C-alpha atoms as a PDB file:
ATOM      1  CA  MET A   1     -35.102  -0.780  -4.406  1.00  0.00           C
ATOM      2  CA  LYS A   2     -38.864  -0.462  -3.850  1.00  0.00           C
ATOM      3  CA  HIS A   3     -40.193   1.297  -0.745  1.00  0.00           C
ATOM      4  CA  LYS A   4     -42.221  -0.981   1.606  1.00  0.00           C
ATOM      5  CA  PRO A   5     -45.111   0.836   3.378  1.00  0.00           C
ATOM      6  CA  SER A   6     -45.305   0.851   7.152  1.00  0.00           C
ATOM      7  CA  SER A   7     -47.256  -2.064   8.710  1.00  0.00           C
ATOM      8  CA  LYS A   8     -48.912   0.272  11.258  1.00  0.00           C
ATOM      9  CA  TRP A   9     -51.442   1.428   8.675  1.00  0.00           C
ATOM     10  CA  LYS A  10     -53.272  -1.883   9.092  1.00  0.00           C
ATOM     11  CA  PHE A  11     -54.280  -0.708  12.611  1.00  0.00           C
ATOM     12  CA  TYR A  12     -56.306   2.192  11.202  1.00  0.00           C
ATOM     13  CA  VAL A  13     -59.628   2.304   9.274  1.00  0.00           C
ATOM     14  CA  ILE A  14     -61.567   5.237   7.741  1.00  0.00           C
ATOM     15  CA  GLU A  15     -65.189   5.568   9.047  1.00  0.00           C
ATOM     16  CA  ASP A  16     -67.430   8.456   8.061  1.00  0.00           C
ATOM     17  CA  GLY A  17     -64.400  10.420   6.809  1.00  0.00           C
ATOM     18  CA  GLN A  18     -62.545  10.063  10.125  1.00  0.00           C
ATOM     19  CA  LEU A  19     -59.451   8.021  10.761  1.00  0.00           C
ATOM     20  CA  LYS A  20     -60.061   5.522  13.675  1.00  0.00           C
ATOM     21  CA  ARG A  21     -57.753   3.076  15.416  1.00  0.00           C
ATOM     22  CA  THR A  22     -58.760  -0.578  15.437  1.00  0.00           C
ATOM     23  CA  ARG A  23     -56.590  -1.370  18.517  1.00  0.00           C
ATOM     24  CA  PRO A  24     -55.879   0.755  21.590  1.00  0.00           C
ATOM     25  CA  PHE A  25     -52.530   2.302  22.507  1.00  0.00           C
ATOM     26  CA  CYS A  26     -50.778   0.909  25.664  1.00  0.00           C
ATOM     27  CA  PRO A  27     -51.458   3.232  28.620  1.00  0.00           C
ATOM     28  CA  ARG A  28     -48.012   2.570  30.063  1.00  0.00           C
ATOM     29  CA  CYS A  29     -45.913   2.933  26.905  1.00  0.00           C
ATOM     30  CA  GLY A  30     -47.933   5.758  25.388  1.00  0.00           C
ATOM     31  CA  PRO A  31     -49.004   6.702  21.895  1.00  0.00           C
ATOM     32  CA  GLY A  32     -47.501   4.721  19.095  1.00  0.00           C
ATOM     33  CA  VAL A  33     -47.345   1.388  20.884  1.00  0.00           C
ATOM     34  CA  PHE A  34     -50.380  -0.699  19.882  1.00  0.00           C
ATOM     35  CA  MET A  35     -51.680  -3.523  22.037  1.00  0.00           C
ATOM     36  CA  ALA A  36     -52.136  -7.052  20.541  1.00  0.00           C
ATOM     37  CA  ASP A  37     -55.669  -8.415  20.269  1.00  0.00           C
ATOM     38  CA  HIS A  38     -55.863 -11.929  21.789  1.00  0.00           C
ATOM     39  CA  GLY A  39     -59.622 -12.471  21.596  1.00  0.00           C
ATOM     40  CA  ASP A  40     -60.463 -12.186  25.288  1.00  0.00           C
ATOM     41  CA  ARG A  41     -57.761  -9.575  26.188  1.00  0.00           C
ATOM     42  CA  TYR A  42     -55.410  -6.873  24.883  1.00  0.00           C
ATOM     43  CA  TYR A  43     -51.703  -7.398  25.566  1.00  0.00           C
ATOM     44  CA  CYS A  44     -48.716  -5.055  25.195  1.00  0.00           C
ATOM     45  CA  GLY A  45     -45.662  -6.946  23.888  1.00  0.00           C
ATOM     46  CA  ARG A  46     -43.318  -4.189  24.986  1.00  0.00           C
ATOM     47  CA  CYS A  47     -44.095  -3.885  28.726  1.00  0.00           C
ATOM     48  CA  GLY A  48     -46.462  -6.882  29.344  1.00  0.00           C
ATOM     49  CA  TYR A  49     -49.494  -4.809  30.329  1.00  0.00           C
ATOM     50  CA  THR A  50     -52.753  -6.802  29.931  1.00  0.00           C
ATOM     51  CA  VAL A  51     -56.363  -5.639  29.902  1.00  0.00           C
ATOM     52  CA  LYS A  52     -59.328  -8.052  29.852  1.00  0.00           C
ATOM     53  CA  LYS A  53     -62.134  -7.314  27.374  1.00  0.00           C
ATOM     54  CA  GLU A  54     -65.705  -6.888  28.485  1.00  0.00           C
ATOM     55  CA  SER A  55     -67.569 -10.179  28.078  1.00  0.00           C
ATOM     56  CA  LYS A  56     -70.931 -10.097  26.293  1.00  0.00           C
ATOM     57  CA  GLU A  57     -72.674 -12.857  28.240  1.00  0.00           C
ATOM     58  CA  GLN A  58     -76.437 -12.744  28.427  1.00  0.00           C
END
């Protein structure tokens, strides 16, 4: 049976030799629980916490 890599690695990217997260952790649930990106907001599927993104209107 072949080992399947963890899907959490898609939430990280290497920039300038540093490992950076592409999505924030949930402030209620703590480290390890990523928030979903819904375009205009971030949402935690575990506890329901929602944060609106800053709009870039000119």
